[in-house]
Each structure stands twice: as C-alpha cells, then as structure tokens.
Full PDB file with SEQRES, HELIX, SHEET, SSBOND, CRYST1, ORIGX, SCALE, CONECT and MASTER records, all heavy atoms in Angstrom:
SEQRES   1 A   36  GLU MET ILE VAL VAL HIS LEU TRP GLY HIS LYS PHE LYS          
SEQRES   2 A   36  VAL MET THR PHE VAL ILE PHE GLY ALA ALA LEU ASN GLY          
SEQRES   3 A   36  LEU ALA TYR LEU MET LEU ILE PHE THR HIS                      
HELIX    1 AA1 MET A    2  TRP A    8  1                                   7    
HELIX    2 AA2 VAL A   14  LEU A   30  1                                  17    
HELIX    3 AA3 MET A   31  ILE A   33  5                                   3    
CRYST1    1.000    1.000    1.000  90.00  90.00  90.00 P 1           1          
ORIGX1      1.000000  0.000000  0.000000        0.00000                         
ORIGX2      0.000000  1.000000  0.000000        0.00000                         
ORIGX3      0.000000  0.000000  1.000000        0.00000                         
SCALE1      1.000000  0.000000  0.000000        0.00000                         
SCALE2      0.000000  1.000000  0.000000        0.00000                         
SCALE3      0.000000  0.000000  1.000000        0.00000                         
ATOM      1  N   GLU A   1       0.812  -1.219   0.000  1.00  0.00           N  
ATOM      2  CA  GLU A   1       0.000   0.000   0.000  1.00  0.00           C  
ATOM      3  C   GLU A   1       0.847   1.272   0.000  1.00  0.00           C  
ATOM      4  O   GLU A   1       0.628   2.178  -0.804  1.00  0.00           O  
ATOM      5  CB  GLU A   1      -0.962   0.021   1.190  1.00  0.00           C  
ATOM      6  CG  GLU A   1      -1.850   1.260   1.174  1.00  0.00           C  
ATOM      7  CD  GLU A   1      -3.005   1.178   2.160  1.00  0.00           C  
ATOM      8  OE1 GLU A   1      -3.685   0.133   2.194  1.00  0.00           O  
ATOM      9  OE2 GLU A   1      -3.217   2.166   2.883  1.00  0.00           O  
ATOM     10  N   MET A   2       1.801   1.357   0.902  1.00  0.00           N  
ATOM     11  CA  MET A   2       2.636   2.560   0.971  1.00  0.00           C  
ATOM     12  C   MET A   2       3.455   2.738  -0.309  1.00  0.00           C  
ATOM     13  O   MET A   2       3.703   3.864  -0.750  1.00  0.00           O  
ATOM     14  CB  MET A   2       3.558   2.496   2.183  1.00  0.00           C  
ATOM     15  CG  MET A   2       2.848   2.585   3.520  1.00  0.00           C  
ATOM     16  SD  MET A   2       2.075   4.190   3.835  1.00  0.00           S  
ATOM     17  CE  MET A   2       3.505   5.209   4.179  1.00  0.00           C  
ATOM     18  N   ILE A   3       3.861   1.631  -0.916  1.00  0.00           N  
ATOM     19  CA  ILE A   3       4.627   1.693  -2.163  1.00  0.00           C  
ATOM     20  C   ILE A   3       3.766   2.258  -3.289  1.00  0.00           C  
ATOM     21  O   ILE A   3       4.208   3.114  -4.072  1.00  0.00           O  
ATOM     22  CB  ILE A   3       5.164   0.302  -2.554  1.00  0.00           C  
ATOM     23  CG1 ILE A   3       6.111  -0.234  -1.468  1.00  0.00           C  
ATOM     24  CG2 ILE A   3       5.862   0.358  -3.907  1.00  0.00           C  
ATOM     25  CD1 ILE A   3       7.348   0.597  -1.268  1.00  0.00           C  
ATOM     26  N   VAL A   4       2.522   1.782  -3.393  1.00  0.00           N  
ATOM     27  CA  VAL A   4       1.602   2.272  -4.419  1.00  0.00           C  
ATOM     28  C   VAL A   4       1.361   3.765  -4.255  1.00  0.00           C  
ATOM     29  O   VAL A   4       1.416   4.540  -5.227  1.00  0.00           O  
ATOM     30  CB  VAL A   4       0.264   1.495  -4.361  1.00  0.00           C  
ATOM     31  CG1 VAL A   4      -0.800   2.199  -5.207  1.00  0.00           C  
ATOM     32  CG2 VAL A   4       0.450   0.064  -4.849  1.00  0.00           C  
ATOM     33  N   VAL A   5       1.097   4.173  -3.014  1.00  0.00           N  
ATOM     34  CA  VAL A   5       0.853   5.596  -2.747  1.00  0.00           C  
ATOM     35  C   VAL A   5       2.088   6.426  -3.083  1.00  0.00           C  
ATOM     36  O   VAL A   5       1.995   7.507  -3.680  1.00  0.00           O  
ATOM     37  CB  VAL A   5       0.448   5.802  -1.274  1.00  0.00           C  
ATOM     38  CG1 VAL A   5       0.384   7.298  -0.928  1.00  0.00           C  
ATOM     39  CG2 VAL A   5      -0.901   5.145  -0.989  1.00  0.00           C  
ATOM     40  N   HIS A   6       3.258   5.912  -2.724  1.00  0.00           N  
ATOM     41  CA  HIS A   6       4.503   6.651  -2.942  1.00  0.00           C  
ATOM     42  C   HIS A   6       4.844   6.773  -4.427  1.00  0.00           C  
ATOM     43  O   HIS A   6       5.208   7.863  -4.900  1.00  0.00           O  
ATOM     44  CB  HIS A   6       5.647   5.950  -2.204  1.00  0.00           C  
ATOM     45  CG  HIS A   6       6.995   6.523  -2.478  1.00  0.00           C  
ATOM     46  ND1 HIS A   6       7.364   7.792  -2.084  1.00  0.00           N  
ATOM     47  CD2 HIS A   6       8.078   6.004  -3.128  1.00  0.00           C  
ATOM     48  CE1 HIS A   6       8.612   8.031  -2.459  1.00  0.00           C  
ATOM     49  NE2 HIS A   6       9.064   6.967  -3.100  1.00  0.00           N  
ATOM     50  N   LEU A   7       4.708   5.683  -5.168  1.00  0.00           N  
ATOM     51  CA  LEU A   7       5.125   5.688  -6.573  1.00  0.00           C  
ATOM     52  C   LEU A   7       4.094   6.309  -7.506  1.00  0.00           C  
ATOM     53  O   LEU A   7       4.450   6.998  -8.471  1.00  0.00           O  
ATOM     54  CB  LEU A   7       5.431   4.259  -7.035  1.00  0.00           C  
ATOM     55  CG  LEU A   7       6.645   3.568  -6.397  1.00  0.00           C  
ATOM     56  CD1 LEU A   7       6.791   2.157  -6.938  1.00  0.00           C  
ATOM     57  CD2 LEU A   7       7.929   4.368  -6.655  1.00  0.00           C  
ATOM     58  N   TRP A   8       2.828   6.097  -7.242  1.00  0.00           N  
ATOM     59  CA  TRP A   8       1.782   6.493  -8.180  1.00  0.00           C  
ATOM     60  C   TRP A   8       0.855   7.585  -7.662  1.00  0.00           C  
ATOM     61  O   TRP A   8       0.075   8.143  -8.428  1.00  0.00           O  
ATOM     62  CB  TRP A   8       0.932   5.276  -8.569  1.00  0.00           C  
ATOM     63  CG  TRP A   8       1.705   4.220  -9.290  1.00  0.00           C  
ATOM     64  CD1 TRP A   8       2.900   4.365  -9.950  1.00  0.00           C  
ATOM     65  CD2 TRP A   8       1.330   2.847  -9.443  1.00  0.00           C  
ATOM     66  NE1 TRP A   8       3.296   3.173 -10.500  1.00  0.00           N  
ATOM     67  CE2 TRP A   8       2.360   2.213 -10.208  1.00  0.00           C  
ATOM     68  CE3 TRP A   8       0.256   2.075  -9.030  1.00  0.00           C  
ATOM     69  CZ2 TRP A   8       2.310   0.870 -10.544  1.00  0.00           C  
ATOM     70  CZ3 TRP A   8       0.205   0.731  -9.366  1.00  0.00           C  
ATOM     71  CH2 TRP A   8       1.222   0.140 -10.106  1.00  0.00           C  
ATOM     72  N   GLY A   9       0.917   7.867  -6.367  1.00  0.00           N  
ATOM     73  CA  GLY A   9      -0.052   8.779  -5.767  1.00  0.00           C  
ATOM     74  C   GLY A   9      -0.125  10.144  -6.411  1.00  0.00           C  
ATOM     75  O   GLY A   9      -1.199  10.757  -6.457  1.00  0.00           O  
ATOM     76  N   HIS A  10       0.997  10.648  -6.911  1.00  0.00           N  
ATOM     77  CA  HIS A  10       1.024  11.978  -7.516  1.00  0.00           C  
ATOM     78  C   HIS A  10       0.944  11.943  -9.035  1.00  0.00           C  
ATOM     79  O   HIS A  10       0.955  12.984  -9.680  1.00  0.00           O  
ATOM     80  CB  HIS A  10       2.300  12.715  -7.088  1.00  0.00           C  
ATOM     81  CG  HIS A  10       2.367  12.975  -5.621  1.00  0.00           C  
ATOM     82  ND1 HIS A  10       1.669  14.005  -5.029  1.00  0.00           N  
ATOM     83  CD2 HIS A  10       3.020  12.340  -4.620  1.00  0.00           C  
ATOM     84  CE1 HIS A  10       1.909  14.007  -3.723  1.00  0.00           C  
ATOM     85  NE2 HIS A  10       2.722  13.009  -3.456  1.00  0.00           N  
ATOM     86  N   LYS A  11       0.861  10.748  -9.604  1.00  0.00           N  
ATOM     87  CA  LYS A  11       0.846  10.632 -11.059  1.00  0.00           C  
ATOM     88  C   LYS A  11      -0.568  10.563 -11.632  1.00  0.00           C  
ATOM     89  O   LYS A  11      -0.768  10.792 -12.810  1.00  0.00           O  
ATOM     90  CB  LYS A  11       1.634   9.389 -11.494  1.00  0.00           C  
ATOM     91  CG  LYS A  11       3.127   9.477 -11.182  1.00  0.00           C  
ATOM     92  CD  LYS A  11       3.863   8.241 -11.685  1.00  0.00           C  
ATOM     93  CE  LYS A  11       5.353   8.343 -11.396  1.00  0.00           C  
ATOM     94  NZ  LYS A  11       6.103   7.159 -11.870  1.00  0.00           N  
ATOM     95  N   PHE A  12      -1.540  10.210 -10.799  1.00  0.00           N  
ATOM     96  CA  PHE A  12      -2.913  10.078 -11.262  1.00  0.00           C  
ATOM     97  C   PHE A  12      -3.836  10.830 -10.316  1.00  0.00           C  
ATOM     98  O   PHE A  12      -3.489  11.099  -9.160  1.00  0.00           O  
ATOM     99  CB  PHE A  12      -3.333   8.603 -11.326  1.00  0.00           C  
ATOM    100  CG  PHE A  12      -2.468   7.760 -12.215  1.00  0.00           C  
ATOM    101  CD1 PHE A  12      -1.406   7.041 -11.697  1.00  0.00           C  
ATOM    102  CD2 PHE A  12      -2.725   7.692 -13.574  1.00  0.00           C  
ATOM    103  CE1 PHE A  12      -0.607   6.262 -12.512  1.00  0.00           C  
ATOM    104  CE2 PHE A  12      -1.931   6.915 -14.401  1.00  0.00           C  
ATOM    105  CZ  PHE A  12      -0.869   6.201 -13.871  1.00  0.00           C  
ATOM    106  N   LYS A  13      -5.024  11.151 -10.802  1.00  0.00           N  
ATOM    107  CA  LYS A  13      -6.024  11.788  -9.962  1.00  0.00           C  
ATOM    108  C   LYS A  13      -6.497  10.825  -8.883  1.00  0.00           C  
ATOM    109  O   LYS A  13      -6.550   9.605  -9.075  1.00  0.00           O  
ATOM    110  CB  LYS A  13      -7.221  12.226 -10.807  1.00  0.00           C  
ATOM    111  CG  LYS A  13      -6.859  13.126 -11.993  1.00  0.00           C  
ATOM    112  CD  LYS A  13      -6.290  14.452 -11.550  1.00  0.00           C  
ATOM    113  CE  LYS A  13      -6.070  15.378 -12.746  1.00  0.00           C  
ATOM    114  NZ  LYS A  13      -5.523  16.676 -12.356  1.00  0.00           N  
ATOM    115  N   VAL A  14      -6.872  11.389  -7.737  1.00  0.00           N  
ATOM    116  CA  VAL A  14      -7.300  10.566  -6.606  1.00  0.00           C  
ATOM    117  C   VAL A  14      -8.484   9.683  -6.976  1.00  0.00           C  
ATOM    118  O   VAL A  14      -8.520   8.489  -6.661  1.00  0.00           O  
ATOM    119  CB  VAL A  14      -7.664  11.473  -5.401  1.00  0.00           C  
ATOM    120  CG1 VAL A  14      -8.358  10.676  -4.309  1.00  0.00           C  
ATOM    121  CG2 VAL A  14      -6.407  12.135  -4.843  1.00  0.00           C  
ATOM    122  N   MET A  15      -9.470  10.249  -7.669  1.00  0.00           N  
ATOM    123  CA  MET A  15     -10.662   9.470  -7.999  1.00  0.00           C  
ATOM    124  C   MET A  15     -10.373   8.355  -9.005  1.00  0.00           C  
ATOM    125  O   MET A  15     -11.127   7.384  -9.085  1.00  0.00           O  
ATOM    126  CB  MET A  15     -11.751  10.392  -8.547  1.00  0.00           C  
ATOM    127  CG  MET A  15     -12.473  11.206  -7.484  1.00  0.00           C  
ATOM    128  SD  MET A  15     -13.426  10.183  -6.337  1.00  0.00           S  
ATOM    129  CE  MET A  15     -14.763   9.653  -7.376  1.00  0.00           C  
ATOM    130  N   THR A  16      -9.291   8.472  -9.745  1.00  0.00           N  
ATOM    131  CA  THR A  16      -8.906   7.391 -10.654  1.00  0.00           C  
ATOM    132  C   THR A  16      -8.623   6.112  -9.887  1.00  0.00           C  
ATOM    133  O   THR A  16      -9.035   5.020 -10.287  1.00  0.00           O  
ATOM    134  CB  THR A  16      -7.660   7.794 -11.469  1.00  0.00           C  
ATOM    135  OG1 THR A  16      -7.942   8.981 -12.200  1.00  0.00           O  
ATOM    136  CG2 THR A  16      -7.266   6.684 -12.438  1.00  0.00           C  
ATOM    137  N   PHE A  17      -7.926   6.245  -8.767  1.00  0.00           N  
ATOM    138  CA  PHE A  17      -7.626   5.084  -7.925  1.00  0.00           C  
ATOM    139  C   PHE A  17      -8.905   4.492  -7.333  1.00  0.00           C  
ATOM    140  O   PHE A  17      -9.065   3.272  -7.263  1.00  0.00           O  
ATOM    141  CB  PHE A  17      -6.677   5.483  -6.793  1.00  0.00           C  
ATOM    142  CG  PHE A  17      -5.278   5.790  -7.245  1.00  0.00           C  
ATOM    143  CD1 PHE A  17      -4.860   7.098  -7.425  1.00  0.00           C  
ATOM    144  CD2 PHE A  17      -4.380   4.764  -7.493  1.00  0.00           C  
ATOM    145  CE1 PHE A  17      -3.576   7.385  -7.850  1.00  0.00           C  
ATOM    146  CE2 PHE A  17      -3.089   5.037  -7.917  1.00  0.00           C  
ATOM    147  CZ  PHE A  17      -2.679   6.356  -8.100  1.00  0.00           C  
ATOM    148  N   VAL A  18      -9.813   5.353  -6.889  1.00  0.00           N  
ATOM    149  CA  VAL A  18     -11.063   4.883  -6.283  1.00  0.00           C  
ATOM    150  C   VAL A  18     -11.888   4.102  -7.302  1.00  0.00           C  
ATOM    151  O   VAL A  18     -12.429   3.031  -7.008  1.00  0.00           O  
ATOM    152  CB  VAL A  18     -11.868   6.075  -5.718  1.00  0.00           C  
ATOM    153  CG1 VAL A  18     -13.199   5.593  -5.144  1.00  0.00           C  
ATOM    154  CG2 VAL A  18     -11.065   6.810  -4.646  1.00  0.00           C  
ATOM    155  N   ILE A  19     -12.001   4.649  -8.511  1.00  0.00           N  
ATOM    156  CA  ILE A  19     -12.761   3.968  -9.572  1.00  0.00           C  
ATOM    157  C   ILE A  19     -12.138   2.620  -9.899  1.00  0.00           C  
ATOM    158  O   ILE A  19     -12.842   1.599 -10.013  1.00  0.00           O  
ATOM    159  CB  ILE A  19     -12.823   4.864 -10.831  1.00  0.00           C  
ATOM    160  CG1 ILE A  19     -13.645   6.117 -10.556  1.00  0.00           C  
ATOM    161  CG2 ILE A  19     -13.411   4.090 -12.014  1.00  0.00           C  
ATOM    162  CD1 ILE A  19     -13.507   7.194 -11.615  1.00  0.00           C  
ATOM    163  N   PHE A  20     -10.840   2.595 -10.063  1.00  0.00           N  
ATOM    164  CA  PHE A  20     -10.137   1.350 -10.403  1.00  0.00           C  
ATOM    165  C   PHE A  20     -10.272   0.327  -9.271  1.00  0.00           C  
ATOM    166  O   PHE A  20     -10.496  -0.863  -9.516  1.00  0.00           O  
ATOM    167  CB  PHE A  20      -8.669   1.652 -10.681  1.00  0.00           C  
ATOM    168  CG  PHE A  20      -7.899   0.478 -11.217  1.00  0.00           C  
ATOM    169  CD1 PHE A  20      -8.308  -0.197 -12.363  1.00  0.00           C  
ATOM    170  CD2 PHE A  20      -6.761   0.032 -10.571  1.00  0.00           C  
ATOM    171  CE1 PHE A  20      -7.604  -1.287 -12.858  1.00  0.00           C  
ATOM    172  CE2 PHE A  20      -6.041  -1.056 -11.048  1.00  0.00           C  
ATOM    173  CZ  PHE A  20      -6.466  -1.715 -12.200  1.00  0.00           C  
ATOM    174  N   GLY A  21     -10.161   0.782  -8.026  1.00  0.00           N  
ATOM    175  CA  GLY A  21     -10.309  -0.122  -6.889  1.00  0.00           C  
ATOM    176  C   GLY A  21     -11.697  -0.732  -6.820  1.00  0.00           C  
ATOM    177  O   GLY A  21     -11.853  -1.926  -6.530  1.00  0.00           O  
ATOM    178  N   ALA A  22     -12.726   0.073  -7.095  1.00  0.00           N  
ATOM    179  CA  ALA A  22     -14.100  -0.436  -7.090  1.00  0.00           C  
ATOM    180  C   ALA A  22     -14.305  -1.487  -8.177  1.00  0.00           C  
ATOM    181  O   ALA A  22     -15.000  -2.491  -7.973  1.00  0.00           O  
ATOM    182  CB  ALA A  22     -15.085   0.720  -7.270  1.00  0.00           C  
ATOM    183  N   ALA A  23     -13.705  -1.263  -9.356  1.00  0.00           N  
ATOM    184  CA  ALA A  23     -13.817  -2.242 -10.446  1.00  0.00           C  
ATOM    185  C   ALA A  23     -13.119  -3.552 -10.085  1.00  0.00           C  
ATOM    186  O   ALA A  23     -13.663  -4.642 -10.304  1.00  0.00           O  
ATOM    187  CB  ALA A  23     -13.224  -1.653 -11.727  1.00  0.00           C  
ATOM    188  N   LEU A  24     -11.926  -3.467  -9.511  1.00  0.00           N  
ATOM    189  CA  LEU A  24     -11.212  -4.677  -9.073  1.00  0.00           C  
ATOM    190  C   LEU A  24     -12.011  -5.432  -8.017  1.00  0.00           C  
ATOM    191  O   LEU A  24     -12.012  -6.667  -7.983  1.00  0.00           O  
ATOM    192  CB  LEU A  24      -9.849  -4.303  -8.499  1.00  0.00           C  
ATOM    193  CG  LEU A  24      -8.719  -3.993  -9.471  1.00  0.00           C  
ATOM    194  CD1 LEU A  24      -7.443  -3.683  -8.703  1.00  0.00           C  
ATOM    195  CD2 LEU A  24      -8.484  -5.145 -10.435  1.00  0.00           C  
ATOM    196  N   ASN A  25     -12.694  -4.697  -7.158  1.00  0.00           N  
ATOM    197  CA  ASN A  25     -13.510  -5.288  -6.101  1.00  0.00           C  
ATOM    198  C   ASN A  25     -14.562  -6.223  -6.689  1.00  0.00           C  
ATOM    199  O   ASN A  25     -14.765  -7.343  -6.203  1.00  0.00           O  
ATOM    200  CB  ASN A  25     -14.172  -4.157  -5.307  1.00  0.00           C  
ATOM    201  CG  ASN A  25     -14.737  -4.609  -3.980  1.00  0.00           C  
ATOM    202  OD1 ASN A  25     -14.200  -5.498  -3.321  1.00  0.00           O  
ATOM    203  ND2 ASN A  25     -15.819  -3.973  -3.571  1.00  0.00           N  
ATOM    204  N   GLY A  26     -15.226  -5.770  -7.756  1.00  0.00           N  
ATOM    205  CA  GLY A  26     -16.222  -6.611  -8.404  1.00  0.00           C  
ATOM    206  C   GLY A  26     -15.616  -7.770  -9.163  1.00  0.00           C  
ATOM    207  O   GLY A  26     -16.100  -8.909  -9.086  1.00  0.00           O  
ATOM    208  N   LEU A  27     -14.542  -7.526  -9.900  1.00  0.00           N  
ATOM    209  CA  LEU A  27     -13.898  -8.569 -10.693  1.00  0.00           C  
ATOM    210  C   LEU A  27     -13.350  -9.696  -9.826  1.00  0.00           C  
ATOM    211  O   LEU A  27     -13.365 -10.869 -10.225  1.00  0.00           O  
ATOM    212  CB  LEU A  27     -12.768  -7.962 -11.527  1.00  0.00           C  
ATOM    213  CG  LEU A  27     -13.196  -7.060 -12.686  1.00  0.00           C  
ATOM    214  CD1 LEU A  27     -11.980  -6.378 -13.311  1.00  0.00           C  
ATOM    215  CD2 LEU A  27     -13.967  -7.853 -13.742  1.00  0.00           C  
ATOM    216  N   ALA A  28     -12.862  -9.365  -8.641  1.00  0.00           N  
ATOM    217  CA  ALA A  28     -12.285 -10.375  -7.745  1.00  0.00           C  
ATOM    218  C   ALA A  28     -13.314 -11.431  -7.354  1.00  0.00           C  
ATOM    219  O   ALA A  28     -12.971 -12.613  -7.176  1.00  0.00           O  
ATOM    220  CB  ALA A  28     -11.723  -9.701  -6.493  1.00  0.00           C  
ATOM    221  N   TYR A  29     -14.583 -11.025  -7.216  1.00  0.00           N  
ATOM    222  CA  TYR A  29     -15.640 -11.987  -6.883  1.00  0.00           C  
ATOM    223  C   TYR A  29     -16.200 -12.650  -8.133  1.00  0.00           C  
ATOM    224  O   TYR A  29     -16.520 -13.839  -8.130  1.00  0.00           O  
ATOM    225  CB  TYR A  29     -16.768 -11.287  -6.116  1.00  0.00           C  
ATOM    226  CG  TYR A  29     -16.392 -10.909  -4.706  1.00  0.00           C  
ATOM    227  CD1 TYR A  29     -16.118  -9.595  -4.370  1.00  0.00           C  
ATOM    228  CD2 TYR A  29     -16.283 -11.876  -3.707  1.00  0.00           C  
ATOM    229  CE1 TYR A  29     -15.771  -9.239  -3.083  1.00  0.00           C  
ATOM    230  CE2 TYR A  29     -15.930 -11.540  -2.414  1.00  0.00           C  
ATOM    231  CZ  TYR A  29     -15.674 -10.220  -2.113  1.00  0.00           C  
ATOM    232  OH  TYR A  29     -15.317  -9.876  -0.831  1.00  0.00           O  
ATOM    233  N   LEU A  30     -16.327 -11.869  -9.205  1.00  0.00           N  
ATOM    234  CA  LEU A  30     -16.921 -12.395 -10.438  1.00  0.00           C  
ATOM    235  C   LEU A  30     -16.126 -13.585 -10.973  1.00  0.00           C  
ATOM    236  O   LEU A  30     -16.701 -14.560 -11.477  1.00  0.00           O  
ATOM    237  CB  LEU A  30     -16.970 -11.283 -11.483  1.00  0.00           C  
ATOM    238  CG  LEU A  30     -17.900 -11.474 -12.676  1.00  0.00           C  
ATOM    239  CD1 LEU A  30     -19.347 -11.633 -12.222  1.00  0.00           C  
ATOM    240  CD2 LEU A  30     -17.765 -10.294 -13.630  1.00  0.00           C  
ATOM    241  N   MET A  31     -14.804 -13.542 -10.842  1.00  0.00           N  
ATOM    242  CA  MET A  31     -13.969 -14.605 -11.391  1.00  0.00           C  
ATOM    243  C   MET A  31     -14.134 -15.931 -10.647  1.00  0.00           C  
ATOM    244  O   MET A  31     -13.808 -16.988 -11.181  1.00  0.00           O  
ATOM    245  CB  MET A  31     -12.496 -14.178 -11.360  1.00  0.00           C  
ATOM    246  CG  MET A  31     -11.921 -13.999  -9.974  1.00  0.00           C  
ATOM    247  SD  MET A  31     -10.229 -13.326 -10.010  1.00  0.00           S  
ATOM    248  CE  MET A  31      -9.366 -14.610 -10.914  1.00  0.00           C  
ATOM    249  N   LEU A  32     -14.691 -15.902  -9.442  1.00  0.00           N  
ATOM    250  CA  LEU A  32     -14.860 -17.131  -8.670  1.00  0.00           C  
ATOM    251  C   LEU A  32     -15.957 -18.030  -9.234  1.00  0.00           C  
ATOM    252  O   LEU A  32     -16.065 -19.196  -8.854  1.00  0.00           O  
ATOM    253  CB  LEU A  32     -15.177 -16.794  -7.205  1.00  0.00           C  
ATOM    254  CG  LEU A  32     -14.063 -16.100  -6.418  1.00  0.00           C  
ATOM    255  CD1 LEU A  32     -14.548 -15.706  -5.032  1.00  0.00           C  
ATOM    256  CD2 LEU A  32     -12.837 -17.000  -6.314  1.00  0.00           C  
ATOM    257  N   ILE A  33     -16.771 -17.502 -10.140  1.00  0.00           N  
ATOM    258  CA  ILE A  33     -17.866 -18.290 -10.705  1.00  0.00           C  
ATOM    259  C   ILE A  33     -17.362 -19.310 -11.724  1.00  0.00           C  
ATOM    260  O   ILE A  33     -17.896 -20.409 -11.840  1.00  0.00           O  
ATOM    261  CB  ILE A  33     -18.892 -17.360 -11.393  1.00  0.00           C  
ATOM    262  CG1 ILE A  33     -19.512 -16.404 -10.369  1.00  0.00           C  
ATOM    263  CG2 ILE A  33     -19.978 -18.163 -12.102  1.00  0.00           C  
ATOM    264  CD1 ILE A  33     -20.448 -15.383 -11.002  1.00  0.00           C  
ATOM    265  N   PHE A  34     -16.320 -18.982 -12.461  1.00  0.00           N  
ATOM    266  CA  PHE A  34     -16.021 -19.684 -13.709  1.00  0.00           C  
ATOM    267  C   PHE A  34     -15.235 -20.980 -13.564  1.00  0.00           C  
ATOM    268  O   PHE A  34     -15.369 -21.887 -14.373  1.00  0.00           O  
ATOM    269  CB  PHE A  34     -15.290 -18.730 -14.645  1.00  0.00           C  
ATOM    270  CG  PHE A  34     -16.113 -17.521 -14.983  1.00  0.00           C  
ATOM    271  CD1 PHE A  34     -15.815 -16.282 -14.440  1.00  0.00           C  
ATOM    272  CD2 PHE A  34     -17.213 -17.630 -15.822  1.00  0.00           C  
ATOM    273  CE1 PHE A  34     -16.592 -15.169 -14.743  1.00  0.00           C  
ATOM    274  CE2 PHE A  34     -17.996 -16.532 -16.128  1.00  0.00           C  
ATOM    275  CZ  PHE A  34     -17.677 -15.302 -15.579  1.00  0.00           C  
ATOM    276  N   THR A  35     -14.389 -21.094 -12.569  1.00  0.00           N  
ATOM    277  CA  THR A  35     -13.616 -22.325 -12.421  1.00  0.00           C  
ATOM    278  C   THR A  35     -13.196 -22.488 -10.974  1.00  0.00           C  
ATOM    279  O   THR A  35     -13.271 -21.554 -10.174  1.00  0.00           O  
ATOM    280  CB  THR A  35     -12.363 -22.298 -13.325  1.00  0.00           C  
ATOM    281  OG1 THR A  35     -11.690 -23.555 -13.235  1.00  0.00           O  
ATOM    282  CG2 THR A  35     -11.404 -21.192 -12.902  1.00  0.00           C  
ATOM    283  N   HIS A  36     -12.771 -23.700 -10.610  1.00  0.00           N  
ATOM    284  CA  HIS A  36     -12.351 -24.003  -9.254  1.00  0.00           C  
ATOM    285  C   HIS A  36     -10.878 -24.409  -9.245  1.00  0.00           C  
ATOM    286  O   HIS A  36     -10.497 -25.388  -9.870  1.00  0.00           O  
ATOM    287  CB  HIS A  36     -13.200 -25.150  -8.666  1.00  0.00           C  
ATOM    288  CG  HIS A  36     -14.509 -24.696  -8.119  1.00  0.00           C  
ATOM    289  ND1 HIS A  36     -15.411 -23.983  -8.855  1.00  0.00           N  
ATOM    290  CD2 HIS A  36     -15.066 -24.861  -6.881  1.00  0.00           C  
ATOM    291  CE1 HIS A  36     -16.482 -23.729  -8.108  1.00  0.00           C  
ATOM    292  NE2 HIS A  36     -16.296 -24.246  -6.906  1.00  0.00           N  
TER     293      HIS A  36                                                      
MASTER        0    0    0    3    0    0    0    6  292    1    0    3          
END                                                                             
C-alpha cells in the first residue's frame, strides 16, 4: 500500500484510484464463478 501511494499517488487523480479499486472489487468476486 505505501509503495503504491509513494510511486503512483502523484501521477494520477485521486478518484482514478477509487474507480479502479471499485472495479477490481467486483472482478475479484466475479472470477470465482467460472472455475475451481
């Protein structure tokens, strides 16, 4: 976490991270449907 904030925190808009995190949140569960 601290590495991500340090390396990328000033390179992108704050809301860009929030949007991307929300999308990953959904994808992480969606992928559990398809295979074991």
